[in-house]
Amino acid sequence: MRHRLGHRVVLAVLFAVIGISEGRAHALLTRSSPAGGGTVRSAPSEIVLRFSEPIQAAFSTVQVTGRGGERFDDGPAQIDPDQPSVLRVAVKTLEPGTYTVVWRVLSIDTHITNGHFTFKVAP
């Protein structure tokens, strides 16, 4: 009986460790420019997203929309060639207002993460 209990404890610990390591494997958004929830005085020409690990460009997207749902992203998102964990997307001219950035990325270990944030342009 003790032998079986010992095996169960070892397996439980093993599964817990595996679960923790997989949780850390996702590409999490660590920083953005403009910052989520922030206000910028001059409209940016691009949105820059930094992730906790490298991502794959072919399956990663960024959309920038205004209040009425109009799209302001200008072309596909691109991985920074010098920093594979940085994703950039050009944006059209942004007038004063609130914008929503919606992102979805595939990390190099095939985990998909997504999220969104808003920022304001208020000169």
PDB file of N, CA and C in Angstrom:
ATOM      1  N   MET A   1       0.814  -1.189   0.000  1.00  0.00           N
ATOM      2  CA  MET A   1       0.000   0.000   0.000  1.00  0.00           C
ATOM      3  C   MET A   1       0.867   1.266   0.000  1.00  0.00           C
ATOM      4  N   ARG A   2       1.918   1.280   0.833  1.00  0.00           N
ATOM      5  CA  ARG A   2       2.815   2.432   0.880  1.00  0.00           C
ATOM      6  C   ARG A   2       3.509   2.623  -0.461  1.00  0.00           C
ATOM      7  N   HIS A   3       3.845   1.514  -1.089  1.00  0.00           N
ATOM      8  CA  HIS A   3       4.527   1.565  -2.379  1.00  0.00           C
ATOM      9  C   HIS A   3       3.641   2.269  -3.417  1.00  0.00           C
ATOM     10  N   ARG A   4       2.354   1.934  -3.461  1.00  0.00           N
ATOM     11  CA  ARG A   4       1.423   2.559  -4.404  1.00  0.00           C
ATOM     12  C   ARG A   4       1.227   4.033  -4.074  1.00  0.00           C
ATOM     13  N   LEU A   5       1.126   4.354  -2.805  1.00  0.00           N
ATOM     14  CA  LEU A   5       0.951   5.741  -2.399  1.00  0.00           C
ATOM     15  C   LEU A   5       2.167   6.570  -2.808  1.00  0.00           C
ATOM     16  N   GLY A   6       3.345   5.992  -2.641  1.00  0.00           N
ATOM     17  CA  GLY A   6       4.568   6.678  -3.055  1.00  0.00           C
ATOM     18  C   GLY A   6       4.585   6.951  -4.547  1.00  0.00           C
ATOM     19  N   HIS A   7       4.144   5.985  -5.345  1.00  0.00           N
ATOM     20  CA  HIS A   7       4.083   6.172  -6.801  1.00  0.00           C
ATOM     21  C   HIS A   7       3.079   7.262  -7.158  1.00  0.00           C
ATOM     22  N   ARG A   8       1.956   7.296  -6.467  1.00  0.00           N
ATOM     23  CA  ARG A   8       0.943   8.315  -6.758  1.00  0.00           C
ATOM     24  C   ARG A   8       1.471   9.712  -6.441  1.00  0.00           C
ATOM     25  N   VAL A   9       2.198   9.834  -5.347  1.00  0.00           N
ATOM     26  CA  VAL A   9       2.767  11.132  -4.983  1.00  0.00           C
ATOM     27  C   VAL A   9       3.787  11.565  -6.036  1.00  0.00           C
ATOM     28  N   VAL A  10       4.639  10.648  -6.443  1.00  0.00           N
ATOM     29  CA  VAL A  10       5.643  10.969  -7.466  1.00  0.00           C
ATOM     30  C   VAL A  10       4.959  11.376  -8.768  1.00  0.00           C
ATOM     31  N   LEU A  11       3.925  10.658  -9.181  1.00  0.00           N
ATOM     32  CA  LEU A  11       3.205  11.004 -10.410  1.00  0.00           C
ATOM     33  C   LEU A  11       2.506  12.357 -10.282  1.00  0.00           C
ATOM     34  N   ALA A  12       1.917  12.621  -9.135  1.00  0.00           N
ATOM     35  CA  ALA A  12       1.250  13.911  -8.933  1.00  0.00           C
ATOM     36  C   ALA A  12       2.243  15.061  -9.037  1.00  0.00           C
ATOM     37  N   VAL A  13       3.406  14.902  -8.434  1.00  0.00           N
ATOM     38  CA  VAL A  13       4.432  15.935  -8.503  1.00  0.00           C
ATOM     39  C   VAL A  13       4.916  16.098  -9.947  1.00  0.00           C
ATOM     40  N   LEU A  14       5.126  15.001 -10.638  1.00  0.00           N
ATOM     41  CA  LEU A  14       5.568  15.036 -12.030  1.00  0.00           C
ATOM     42  C   LEU A  14       4.562  15.773 -12.907  1.00  0.00           C
ATOM     43  N   PHE A  15       3.279  15.453 -12.777  1.00  0.00           N
ATOM     44  CA  PHE A  15       2.260  16.127 -13.577  1.00  0.00           C
ATOM     45  C   PHE A  15       2.172  17.613 -13.233  1.00  0.00           C
ATOM     46  N   ALA A  16       2.350  17.949 -11.980  1.00  0.00           N
ATOM     47  CA  ALA A  16       2.324  19.358 -11.571  1.00  0.00           C
ATOM     48  C   ALA A  16       3.485  20.118 -12.210  1.00  0.00           C
ATOM     49  N   VAL A  17       4.660  19.525 -12.215  1.00  0.00           N
ATOM     50  CA  VAL A  17       5.832  20.166 -12.816  1.00  0.00           C
ATOM     51  C   VAL A  17       5.645  20.306 -14.321  1.00  0.00           C
ATOM     52  N   ILE A  18       5.130  19.295 -14.977  1.00  0.00           N
ATOM     53  CA  ILE A  18       4.882  19.361 -16.421  1.00  0.00           C
ATOM     54  C   ILE A  18       3.878  20.466 -16.710  1.00  0.00           C
ATOM     55  N   GLY A  19       2.832  20.549 -15.929  1.00  0.00           N
ATOM     56  CA  GLY A  19       1.831  21.599 -16.110  1.00  0.00           C
ATOM     57  C   GLY A  19       2.425  22.974 -15.938  1.00  0.00           C
ATOM     58  N   ILE A  20       3.288  23.156 -14.976  1.00  0.00           N
ATOM     59  CA  ILE A  20       3.916  24.454 -14.749  1.00  0.00           C
ATOM     60  C   ILE A  20       4.820  24.810 -15.915  1.00  0.00           C
ATOM     61  N   SER A  21       5.612  23.871 -16.392  1.00  0.00           N
ATOM     62  CA  SER A  21       6.527  24.191 -17.485  1.00  0.00           C
ATOM     63  C   SER A  21       5.773  24.510 -18.765  1.00  0.00           C
ATOM     64  N   GLU A  22       4.645  23.830 -19.025  1.00  0.00           N
ATOM     65  CA  GLU A  22       3.867  24.147 -20.216  1.00  0.00           C
ATOM     66  C   GLU A  22       3.257  25.526 -20.100  1.00  0.00           C
ATOM     67  N   GLY A  23       2.833  25.913 -18.913  1.00  0.00           N
ATOM     68  CA  GLY A  23       2.263  27.233 -18.715  1.00  0.00           C
ATOM     69  C   GLY A  23       3.260  28.324 -19.006  1.00  0.00           C
ATOM     70  N   ARG A  24       4.495  28.077 -18.757  1.00  0.00           N
ATOM     71  CA  ARG A  24       5.543  29.066 -19.019  1.00  0.00           C
ATOM     72  C   ARG A  24       5.952  29.098 -20.482  1.00  0.00           C
ATOM     73  N   ALA A  25       5.502  28.132 -21.269  1.00  0.00           N
ATOM     74  CA  ALA A  25       5.933  28.025 -22.655  1.00  0.00           C
ATOM     75  C   ALA A  25       5.156  28.944 -23.594  1.00  0.00           C
ATOM     76  N   HIS A  26       4.086  29.549 -23.163  1.00  0.00           N
ATOM     77  CA  HIS A  26       3.282  30.412 -24.025  1.00  0.00           C
ATOM     78  C   HIS A  26       3.965  31.761 -24.230  1.00  0.00           C
ATOM     79  N   ALA A  27       3.765  32.312 -25.420  1.00  0.00           N
ATOM     80  CA  ALA A  27       4.295  33.645 -25.716  1.00  0.00           C
ATOM     81  C   ALA A  27       3.346  34.671 -25.112  1.00  0.00           C
ATOM     82  N   LEU A  28       3.738  35.262 -24.013  1.00  0.00           N
ATOM     83  CA  LEU A  28       2.915  36.250 -23.321  1.00  0.00           C
ATOM     84  C   LEU A  28       3.350  37.655 -23.699  1.00  0.00           C
ATOM     85  N   LEU A  29       2.385  38.541 -23.838  1.00  0.00           N
ATOM     86  CA  LEU A  29       2.702  39.936 -24.136  1.00  0.00           C
ATOM     87  C   LEU A  29       3.352  40.547 -22.899  1.00  0.00           C
ATOM     88  N   THR A  30       4.575  41.048 -23.048  1.00  0.00           N
ATOM     89  CA  THR A  30       5.284  41.633 -21.916  1.00  0.00           C
ATOM     90  C   THR A  30       5.297  43.154 -21.954  1.00  0.00           C
ATOM     91  N   ARG A  31       5.167  43.712 -23.174  1.00  0.00           N
ATOM     92  CA  ARG A  31       5.213  45.166 -23.311  1.00  0.00           C
ATOM     93  C   ARG A  31       4.661  45.552 -24.678  1.00  0.00           C
ATOM     94  N   SER A  32       4.115  46.739 -24.748  1.00  0.00           N
ATOM     95  CA  SER A  32       3.642  47.236 -26.042  1.00  0.00           C
ATOM     96  C   SER A  32       3.944  48.726 -26.142  1.00  0.00           C
ATOM     97  N   SER A  33       4.012  49.174 -27.380  1.00  0.00           N
ATOM     98  CA  SER A  33       4.185  50.597 -27.639  1.00  0.00           C
ATOM     99  C   SER A  33       3.226  50.957 -28.763  1.00  0.00           C
ATOM    100  N   PRO A  34       2.234  51.791 -28.481  1.00  0.00           N
ATOM    101  CA  PRO A  34       1.928  52.436 -27.217  1.00  0.00           C
ATOM    102  C   PRO A  34       1.507  51.415 -26.152  1.00  0.00           C
ATOM    103  N   ALA A  35       1.637  51.842 -24.914  1.00  0.00           N
ATOM    104  CA  ALA A  35       1.294  50.969 -23.792  1.00  0.00           C
ATOM    105  C   ALA A  35      -0.216  50.789 -23.695  1.00  0.00           C
ATOM    106  N   GLY A  36      -0.621  49.570 -23.357  1.00  0.00           N
ATOM    107  CA  GLY A  36      -2.037  49.296 -23.145  1.00  0.00           C
ATOM    108  C   GLY A  36      -2.600  50.178 -22.049  1.00  0.00           C
ATOM    109  N   GLY A  37      -3.743  50.809 -22.321  1.00  0.00           N
ATOM    110  CA  GLY A  37      -4.372  51.688 -21.355  1.00  0.00           C
ATOM    111  C   GLY A  37      -3.761  53.073 -21.306  1.00  0.00           C
ATOM    112  N   GLY A  38      -2.726  53.300 -22.099  1.00  0.00           N
ATOM    113  CA  GLY A  38      -2.018  54.581 -22.052  1.00  0.00           C
ATOM    114  C   GLY A  38      -2.574  55.610 -23.024  1.00  0.00           C
ATOM    115  N   THR A  39      -2.038  56.798 -22.915  1.00  0.00           N
ATOM    116  CA  THR A  39      -2.382  57.905 -23.804  1.00  0.00           C
ATOM    117  C   THR A  39      -1.101  58.433 -24.417  1.00  0.00           C
ATOM    118  N   VAL A  40      -1.121  58.612 -25.731  1.00  0.00           N
ATOM    119  CA  VAL A  40       0.024  59.189 -26.427  1.00  0.00           C
ATOM    120  C   VAL A  40      -0.369  60.545 -26.984  1.00  0.00           C
ATOM    121  N   ARG A  41       0.575  61.459 -27.016  1.00  0.00           N
ATOM    122  CA  ARG A  41       0.317  62.816 -27.510  1.00  0.00           C
ATOM    123  C   ARG A  41       0.430  62.901 -29.023  1.00  0.00           C
ATOM    124  N   SER A  42       1.297  62.088 -29.597  1.00  0.00           N
ATOM    125  CA  SER A  42       1.404  62.060 -31.062  1.00  0.00           C
ATOM    126  C   SER A  42       1.106  60.642 -31.541  1.00  0.00           C
ATOM    127  N   ALA A  43       0.404  60.579 -32.645  1.00  0.00           N
ATOM    128  CA  ALA A  43      -0.023  59.285 -33.178  1.00  0.00           C
ATOM    129  C   ALA A  43       1.188  58.455 -33.613  1.00  0.00           C
ATOM    130  N   PRO A  44       1.234  57.183 -33.222  1.00  0.00           N
ATOM    131  CA  PRO A  44       2.340  56.326 -33.654  1.00  0.00           C
ATOM    132  C   PRO A  44       2.181  55.919 -35.117  1.00  0.00           C
ATOM    133  N   SER A  45       3.279  55.585 -35.744  1.00  0.00           N
ATOM    134  CA  SER A  45       3.231  55.092 -37.124  1.00  0.00           C
ATOM    135  C   SER A  45       3.182  53.562 -37.164  1.00  0.00           C
ATOM    136  N   GLU A  46       3.434  52.957 -36.000  1.00  0.00           N
ATOM    137  CA  GLU A  46       3.365  51.498 -35.892  1.00  0.00           C
ATOM    138  C   GLU A  46       3.033  51.106 -34.458  1.00  0.00           C
ATOM    139  N   ILE A  47       2.548  49.883 -34.320  1.00  0.00           N
ATOM    140  CA  ILE A  47       2.301  49.285 -33.015  1.00  0.00           C
ATOM    141  C   ILE A  47       3.383  48.223 -32.837  1.00  0.00           C
ATOM    142  N   VAL A  48       4.027  48.228 -31.679  1.00  0.00           N
ATOM    143  CA  VAL A  48       5.099  47.270 -31.409  1.00  0.00           C
ATOM    144  C   VAL A  48       4.694  46.425 -30.200  1.00  0.00           C
ATOM    145  N   LEU A  49       4.691  45.103 -30.386  1.00  0.00           N
ATOM    146  CA  LEU A  49       4.337  44.165 -29.327  1.00  0.00           C
ATOM    147  C   LEU A  49       5.553  43.298 -29.000  1.00  0.00           C
ATOM    148  N   ARG A  50       5.885  43.217 -27.722  1.00  0.00           N
ATOM    149  CA  ARG A  50       7.013  42.389 -27.277  1.00  0.00           C
ATOM    150  C   ARG A  50       6.467  41.214 -26.481  1.00  0.00           C
ATOM    151  N   PHE A  51       6.938  40.022 -26.833  1.00  0.00           N
ATOM    152  CA  PHE A  51       6.462  38.799 -26.193  1.00  0.00           C
ATOM    153  C   PHE A  51       7.570  38.130 -25.396  1.00  0.00           C
ATOM    154  N   SER A  52       7.176  37.207 -24.538  1.00  0.00           N
ATOM    155  CA  SER A  52       8.115  36.532 -23.644  1.00  0.00           C
ATOM    156  C   SER A  52       8.972  35.492 -24.348  1.00  0.00           C
ATOM    157  N   GLU A  53       8.650  35.170 -25.591  1.00  0.00           N
ATOM    158  CA  GLU A  53       9.451  34.212 -26.364  1.00  0.00           C
ATOM    159  C   GLU A  53       9.235  34.466 -27.844  1.00  0.00           C
ATOM    160  N   PRO A  54      10.095  33.922 -28.697  1.00  0.00           N
ATOM    161  CA  PRO A  54       9.957  34.125 -30.143  1.00  0.00           C
ATOM    162  C   PRO A  54       8.614  33.616 -30.667  1.00  0.00           C
ATOM    163  N   ILE A  55       8.136  34.277 -31.708  1.00  0.00           N
ATOM    164  CA  ILE A  55       6.858  33.912 -32.313  1.00  0.00           C
ATOM    165  C   ILE A  55       7.029  33.683 -33.807  1.00  0.00           C
ATOM    166  N   GLN A  56       6.008  33.045 -34.407  1.00  0.00           N
ATOM    167  CA  GLN A  56       6.033  32.737 -35.830  1.00  0.00           C
ATOM    168  C   GLN A  56       5.174  33.746 -36.577  1.00  0.00           C
ATOM    169  N   ALA A  57       5.749  34.425 -37.539  1.00  0.00           N
ATOM    170  CA  ALA A  57       5.049  35.480 -38.273  1.00  0.00           C
ATOM    171  C   ALA A  57       3.879  34.949 -39.093  1.00  0.00           C
ATOM    172  N   ALA A  58       4.035  33.792 -39.702  1.00  0.00           N
ATOM    173  CA  ALA A  58       3.015  33.277 -40.615  1.00  0.00           C
ATOM    174  C   ALA A  58       1.653  33.086 -39.945  1.00  0.00           C
ATOM    175  N   PHE A  59       1.631  32.861 -38.655  1.00  0.00           N
ATOM    176  CA  PHE A  59       0.375  32.586 -37.960  1.00  0.00           C
ATOM    177  C   PHE A  59       0.074  33.620 -36.878  1.00  0.00           C
ATOM    178  N   SER A  60       0.699  34.784 -36.961  1.00  0.00           N
ATOM    179  CA  SER A  60       0.507  35.827 -35.962  1.00  0.00           C
ATOM    180  C   SER A  60      -0.138  37.044 -36.615  1.00  0.00           C
ATOM    181  N   THR A  61      -1.147  37.611 -35.951  1.00  0.00           N
ATOM    182  CA  THR A  61      -1.875  38.736 -36.517  1.00  0.00           C
ATOM    183  C   THR A  61      -2.049  39.850 -35.497  1.00  0.00           C
ATOM    184  N   VAL A  62      -2.180  41.069 -36.006  1.00  0.00           N
ATOM    185  CA  VAL A  62      -2.480  42.238 -35.189  1.00  0.00           C
ATOM    186  C   VAL A  62      -3.501  43.068 -35.956  1.00  0.00           C
ATOM    187  N   GLN A  63      -4.589  43.431 -35.281  1.00  0.00           N
ATOM    188  CA  GLN A  63      -5.588  44.311 -35.866  1.00  0.00           C
ATOM    189  C   GLN A  63      -5.724  45.540 -34.977  1.00  0.00           C
ATOM    190  N   VAL A  64      -5.808  46.693 -35.607  1.00  0.00           N
ATOM    191  CA  VAL A  64      -5.991  47.950 -34.885  1.00  0.00           C
ATOM    192  C   VAL A  64      -7.281  48.563 -35.406  1.00  0.00           C
ATOM    193  N   THR A  65      -8.226  48.799 -34.493  1.00  0.00           N
ATOM    194  CA  THR A  65      -9.514  49.354 -34.890  1.00  0.00           C
ATOM    195  C   THR A  65      -9.839  50.601 -34.089  1.00  0.00           C
ATOM    196  N   GLY A  66     -10.659  51.455 -34.714  1.00  0.00           N
ATOM    197  CA  GLY A  66     -11.151  52.653 -34.049  1.00  0.00           C
ATOM    198  C   GLY A  66     -12.503  52.380 -33.415  1.00  0.00           C
ATOM    199  N   ARG A  67     -13.104  53.416 -32.881  1.00  0.00           N
ATOM    200  CA  ARG A  67     -14.393  53.290 -32.179  1.00  0.00           C
ATOM    201  C   ARG A  67     -15.468  52.629 -33.025  1.00  0.00           C
ATOM    202  N   GLY A  68     -15.568  52.970 -34.280  1.00  0.00           N
ATOM    203  CA  GLY A  68     -16.615  52.434 -35.141  1.00  0.00           C
ATOM    204  C   GLY A  68     -16.260  51.108 -35.782  1.00  0.00           C
ATOM    205  N   GLY A  69     -15.123  50.526 -35.401  1.00  0.00           N
ATOM    206  CA  GLY A  69     -14.708  49.254 -35.977  1.00  0.00           C
ATOM    207  C   GLY A  69     -13.855  49.389 -37.229  1.00  0.00           C
ATOM    208  N   GLU A  70     -13.588  50.615 -37.651  1.00  0.00           N
ATOM    209  CA  GLU A  70     -12.750  50.830 -38.834  1.00  0.00           C
ATOM    210  C   GLU A  70     -11.332  50.332 -38.565  1.00  0.00           C
ATOM    211  N   ARG A  71     -10.761  49.643 -39.551  1.00  0.00           N
ATOM    212  CA  ARG A  71      -9.410  49.093 -39.408  1.00  0.00           C
ATOM    213  C   ARG A  71      -8.364  50.161 -39.704  1.00  0.00           C
ATOM    214  N   PHE A  72      -7.336  50.195 -38.837  1.00  0.00           N
ATOM    215  CA  PHE A  72      -6.236  51.133 -39.004  1.00  0.00           C
ATOM    216  C   PHE A  72      -4.889  50.444 -39.177  1.00  0.00           C
ATOM    217  N   ASP A  73      -4.842  49.105 -39.045  1.00  0.00           N
ATOM    218  CA  ASP A  73      -3.581  48.422 -39.329  1.00  0.00           C
ATOM    219  C   ASP A  73      -3.343  48.525 -40.828  1.00  0.00           C
ATOM    220  N   ASP A  74      -2.082  48.675 -41.205  1.00  0.00           N
ATOM    221  CA  ASP A  74      -1.736  48.932 -42.595  1.00  0.00           C
ATOM    222  C   ASP A  74      -0.774  47.852 -43.078  1.00  0.00           C
ATOM    223  N   GLY A  75      -1.322  46.711 -43.431  1.00  0.00           N
ATOM    224  CA  GLY A  75      -0.510  45.594 -43.885  1.00  0.00           C
ATOM    225  C   GLY A  75      -0.352  44.551 -42.794  1.00  0.00           C
ATOM    226  N   PRO A  76       0.282  43.445 -43.145  1.00  0.00           N
ATOM    227  CA  PRO A  76       0.446  42.353 -42.173  1.00  0.00           C
ATOM    228  C   PRO A  76       1.488  42.684 -41.103  1.00  0.00           C
ATOM    229  N   ALA A  77       1.322  42.066 -39.964  1.00  0.00           N
ATOM    230  CA  ALA A  77       2.306  42.209 -38.885  1.00  0.00           C
ATOM    231  C   ALA A  77       3.598  41.523 -39.305  1.00  0.00           C
ATOM    232  N   GLN A  78       4.712  42.090 -38.870  1.00  0.00           N
ATOM    233  CA  GLN A  78       6.032  41.572 -39.229  1.00  0.00           C
ATOM    234  C   GLN A  78       6.854  41.314 -37.974  1.00  0.00           C
ATOM    235  N   ILE A  79       7.614  40.226 -37.989  1.00  0.00           N
ATOM    236  CA  ILE A  79       8.552  39.942 -36.908  1.00  0.00           C
ATOM    237  C   ILE A  79       9.780  40.818 -37.117  1.00  0.00           C
ATOM    238  N   ASP A  80      10.275  41.402 -36.050  1.00  0.00           N
ATOM    239  CA  ASP A  80      11.510  42.173 -36.119  1.00  0.00           C
ATOM    240  C   ASP A  80      12.646  41.201 -36.418  1.00  0.00           C
ATOM    241  N   PRO A  81      13.410  41.405 -37.508  1.00  0.00           N
ATOM    242  CA  PRO A  81      14.459  40.442 -37.876  1.00  0.00           C
ATOM    243  C   PRO A  81      15.557  40.299 -36.822  1.00  0.00           C
ATOM    244  N   ASP A  82      15.762  41.330 -36.001  1.00  0.00           N
ATOM    245  CA  ASP A  82      16.801  41.262 -34.973  1.00  0.00           C
ATOM    246  C   ASP A  82      16.278  40.778 -33.624  1.00  0.00           C
ATOM    247  N   GLN A  83      14.958  40.755 -33.476  1.00  0.00           N
ATOM    248  CA  GLN A  83      14.339  40.342 -32.210  1.00  0.00           C
ATOM    249  C   GLN A  83      13.114  39.486 -32.522  1.00  0.00           C
ATOM    250  N   PRO A  84      13.240  38.178 -32.585  1.00  0.00           N
ATOM    251  CA  PRO A  84      12.131  37.314 -33.000  1.00  0.00           C
ATOM    252  C   PRO A  84      10.960  37.253 -32.022  1.00  0.00           C
ATOM    253  N   SER A  85      11.065  37.942 -30.903  1.00  0.00           N
ATOM    254  CA  SER A  85       9.929  38.014 -29.979  1.00  0.00           C
ATOM    255  C   SER A  85       9.200  39.355 -30.082  1.00  0.00           C
ATOM    256  N   VAL A  86       9.541  40.155 -31.095  1.00  0.00           N
ATOM    257  CA  VAL A  86       8.918  41.459 -31.301  1.00  0.00           C
ATOM    258  C   VAL A  86       8.120  41.430 -32.604  1.00  0.00           C
ATOM    259  N   LEU A  87       6.860  41.845 -32.504  1.00  0.00           N
ATOM    260  CA  LEU A  87       5.956  41.887 -33.642  1.00  0.00           C
ATOM    261  C   LEU A  87       5.560  43.338 -33.887  1.00  0.00           C
ATOM    262  N   ARG A  88       5.648  43.789 -35.135  1.00  0.00           N
ATOM    263  CA  ARG A  88       5.337  45.174 -35.489  1.00  0.00           C
ATOM    264  C   ARG A  88       4.263  45.199 -36.571  1.00  0.00           C
ATOM    265  N   VAL A  89       3.388  46.193 -36.477  1.00  0.00           N
ATOM    266  CA  VAL A  89       2.422  46.414 -37.551  1.00  0.00           C
ATOM    267  C   VAL A  89       2.321  47.916 -37.793  1.00  0.00           C
ATOM    268  N   ALA A  90       2.423  48.303 -39.057  1.00  0.00           N
ATOM    269  CA  ALA A  90       2.260  49.710 -39.428  1.00  0.00           C
ATOM    270  C   ALA A  90       0.792  50.085 -39.272  1.00  0.00           C
ATOM    271  N   VAL A  91       0.549  51.352 -38.968  1.00  0.00           N
ATOM    272  CA  VAL A  91      -0.828  51.828 -38.858  1.00  0.00           C
ATOM    273  C   VAL A  91      -1.023  53.049 -39.749  1.00  0.00           C
ATOM    274  N   LYS A  92      -2.259  53.206 -40.217  1.00  0.00           N
ATOM    275  CA  LYS A  92      -2.632  54.389 -40.982  1.00  0.00           C
ATOM    276  C   LYS A  92      -2.616  55.589 -40.044  1.00  0.00           C
ATOM    277  N   THR A  93      -2.814  56.760 -40.581  1.00  0.00           N
ATOM    278  CA  THR A  93      -2.839  57.969 -39.762  1.00  0.00           C
ATOM    279  C   THR A  93      -3.940  57.866 -38.718  1.00  0.00           C
ATOM    280  N   LEU A  94      -3.565  58.044 -37.458  1.00  0.00           N
ATOM    281  CA  LEU A  94      -4.515  57.951 -36.353  1.00  0.00           C
ATOM    282  C   LEU A  94      -4.898  59.348 -35.882  1.00  0.00           C
ATOM    283  N   GLU A  95      -6.168  59.628 -35.911  1.00  0.00           N
ATOM    284  CA  GLU A  95      -6.703  60.890 -35.391  1.00  0.00           C
ATOM    285  C   GLU A  95      -6.882  60.752 -33.883  1.00  0.00           C
ATOM    286  N   PRO A  96      -7.097  61.846 -33.172  1.00  0.00           N
ATOM    287  CA  PRO A  96      -7.373  61.722 -31.735  1.00  0.00           C
ATOM    288  C   PRO A  96      -8.561  60.786 -31.500  1.00  0.00           C
ATOM    289  N   GLY A  97      -8.428  59.936 -30.505  1.00  0.00           N
ATOM    290  CA  GLY A  97      -9.482  58.975 -30.194  1.00  0.00           C
ATOM    291  C   GLY A  97      -8.926  57.747 -29.508  1.00  0.00           C
ATOM    292  N   THR A  98      -9.785  56.769 -29.302  1.00  0.00           N
ATOM    293  CA  THR A  98      -9.416  55.519 -28.651  1.00  0.00           C
ATOM    294  C   THR A  98      -9.318  54.415 -29.697  1.00  0.00           C
ATOM    295  N   TYR A  99      -8.274  53.615 -29.584  1.00  0.00           N
ATOM    296  CA  TYR A  99      -8.026  52.525 -30.529  1.00  0.00           C
ATOM    297  C   TYR A  99      -7.867  51.216 -29.769  1.00  0.00           C
ATOM    298  N   THR A 100      -8.301  50.142 -30.412  1.00  0.00           N
ATOM    299  CA  THR A 100      -8.183  48.810 -29.822  1.00  0.00           C
ATOM    300  C   THR A 100      -7.196  47.990 -30.647  1.00  0.00           C
ATOM    301  N   VAL A 101      -6.271  47.340 -29.961  1.00  0.00           N
ATOM    302  CA  VAL A 101      -5.296  46.453 -30.599  1.00  0.00           C
ATOM    303  C   VAL A 101      -5.665  45.027 -30.199  1.00  0.00           C
ATOM    304  N   VAL A 102      -5.916  44.187 -31.190  1.00  0.00           N
ATOM    305  CA  VAL A 102      -6.242  42.780 -30.962  1.00  0.00           C
ATOM    306  C   VAL A 102      -5.127  41.959 -31.582  1.00  0.00           C
ATOM    307  N   TRP A 103      -4.502  41.085 -30.779  1.00  0.00           N
ATOM    308  CA  TRP A 103      -3.385  40.295 -31.281  1.00  0.00           C
ATOM    309  C   TRP A 103      -3.623  38.808 -31.037  1.00  0.00           C
ATOM    310  N   ARG A 104      -3.024  38.029 -31.924  1.00  0.00           N
ATOM    311  CA  ARG A 104      -3.046  36.559 -31.807  1.00  0.00           C
ATOM    312  C   ARG A 104      -1.709  36.084 -32.339  1.00  0.00           C
ATOM    313  N   VAL A 105      -0.977  35.335 -31.529  1.00  0.00           N
ATOM    314  CA  VAL A 105       0.340  34.871 -31.966  1.00  0.00           C
ATOM    315  C   VAL A 105       0.506  33.375 -31.738  1.00  0.00           C
ATOM    316  N   LEU A 106       1.371  32.820 -32.548  1.00  0.00           N
ATOM    317  CA  LEU A 106       1.771  31.423 -32.407  1.00  0.00           C
ATOM    318  C   LEU A 106       3.242  31.435 -32.027  1.00  0.00           C
ATOM    319  N   SER A 107       3.546  30.883 -30.855  1.00  0.00           N
ATOM    320  CA  SER A 107       4.946  30.843 -30.425  1.00  0.00           C
ATOM    321  C   SER A 107       5.672  29.745 -31.180  1.00  0.00           C
ATOM    322  N   ILE A 108       6.987  29.767 -31.101  1.00  0.00           N
ATOM    323  CA  ILE A 108       7.769  28.779 -31.847  1.00  0.00           C
ATOM    324  C   ILE A 108       7.542  27.361 -31.335  1.00  0.00           C
ATOM    325  N   ASP A 109       6.987  27.221 -30.124  1.00  0.00           N
ATOM    326  CA  ASP A 109       6.684  25.878 -29.620  1.00  0.00           C
ATOM    327  C   ASP A 109       5.221  25.506 -29.863  1.00  0.00           C
ATOM    328  N   THR A 110       4.549  26.207 -30.770  1.00  0.00           N
ATOM    329  CA  THR A 110       3.198  25.941 -31.281  1.00  0.00           C
ATOM    330  C   THR A 110       2.058  26.248 -30.319  1.00  0.00           C
ATOM    331  N   HIS A 111       2.267  27.058 -29.313  1.00  0.00           N
ATOM    332  CA  HIS A 111       1.176  27.487 -28.443  1.00  0.00           C
ATOM    333  C   HIS A 111       0.608  28.811 -28.959  1.00  0.00           C
ATOM    334  N   ILE A 112      -0.712  28.906 -29.016  1.00  0.00           N
ATOM    335  CA  ILE A 112      -1.378  30.121 -29.461  1.00  0.00           C
ATOM    336  C   ILE A 112      -1.810  30.923 -28.235  1.00  0.00           C
ATOM    337  N   THR A 113      -1.527  32.221 -28.260  1.00  0.00           N
ATOM    338  CA  THR A 113      -2.040  33.132 -27.236  1.00  0.00           C
ATOM    339  C   THR A 113      -2.661  34.325 -27.945  1.00  0.00           C
ATOM    340  N   ASN A 114      -3.563  34.987 -27.263  1.00  0.00           N
ATOM    341  CA  ASN A 114      -4.192  36.158 -27.855  1.00  0.00           C
ATOM    342  C   ASN A 114      -4.619  37.119 -26.762  1.00  0.00           C
ATOM    343  N   GLY A 115      -4.934  38.327 -27.172  1.00  0.00           N
ATOM    344  CA  GLY A 115      -5.373  39.322 -26.218  1.00  0.00           C
ATOM    345  C   GLY A 115      -5.692  40.624 -26.916  1.00  0.00           C
ATOM    346  N   HIS A 116      -6.021  41.613 -26.125  1.00  0.00           N
ATOM    347  CA  HIS A 116      -6.325  42.933 -26.672  1.00  0.00           C
ATOM    348  C   HIS A 116      -6.084  44.000 -25.618  1.00  0.00           C
ATOM    349  N   PHE A 117      -5.939  45.217 -26.081  1.00  0.00           N
ATOM    350  CA  PHE A 117      -5.811  46.366 -25.198  1.00  0.00           C
ATOM    351  C   PHE A 117      -6.217  47.609 -25.978  1.00  0.00           C
ATOM    352  N   THR A 118      -6.444  48.678 -25.254  1.00  0.00           N
ATOM    353  CA  THR A 118      -6.772  49.954 -25.893  1.00  0.00           C
ATOM    354  C   THR A 118      -5.708  50.990 -25.539  1.00  0.00           C
ATOM    355  N   PHE A 119      -5.636  52.017 -26.358  1.00  0.00           N
ATOM    356  CA  PHE A 119      -4.810  53.177 -26.055  1.00  0.00           C
ATOM    357  C   PHE A 119      -5.494  54.386 -26.672  1.00  0.00           C
ATOM    358  N   LYS A 120      -5.125  55.566 -26.214  1.00  0.00           N
ATOM    359  CA  LYS A 120      -5.726  56.804 -26.712  1.00  0.00           C
ATOM    360  C   LYS A 120      -4.675  57.683 -27.372  1.00  0.00           C
ATOM    361  N   VAL A 121      -5.106  58.373 -28.414  1.00  0.00           N
ATOM    362  CA  VAL A 121      -4.316  59.435 -29.016  1.00  0.00           C
ATOM    363  C   VAL A 121      -5.018  60.721 -28.601  1.00  0.00           C
ATOM    364  N   ALA A 122      -4.325  61.553 -27.852  1.00  0.00           N
ATOM    365  CA  ALA A 122      -4.913  62.801 -27.351  1.00  0.00           C
ATOM    366  C   ALA A 122      -3.867  63.902 -27.363  1.00  0.00           C
ATOM    367  N   PRO A 123      -3.721  64.582 -28.514  1.00  0.00           N
ATOM    368  CA  PRO A 123      -2.715  65.648 -28.607  1.00  0.00           C
ATOM    369  C   PRO A 123      -3.024  66.841 -27.713  1.00  0.00           C
TER     370      PRO A 123
END
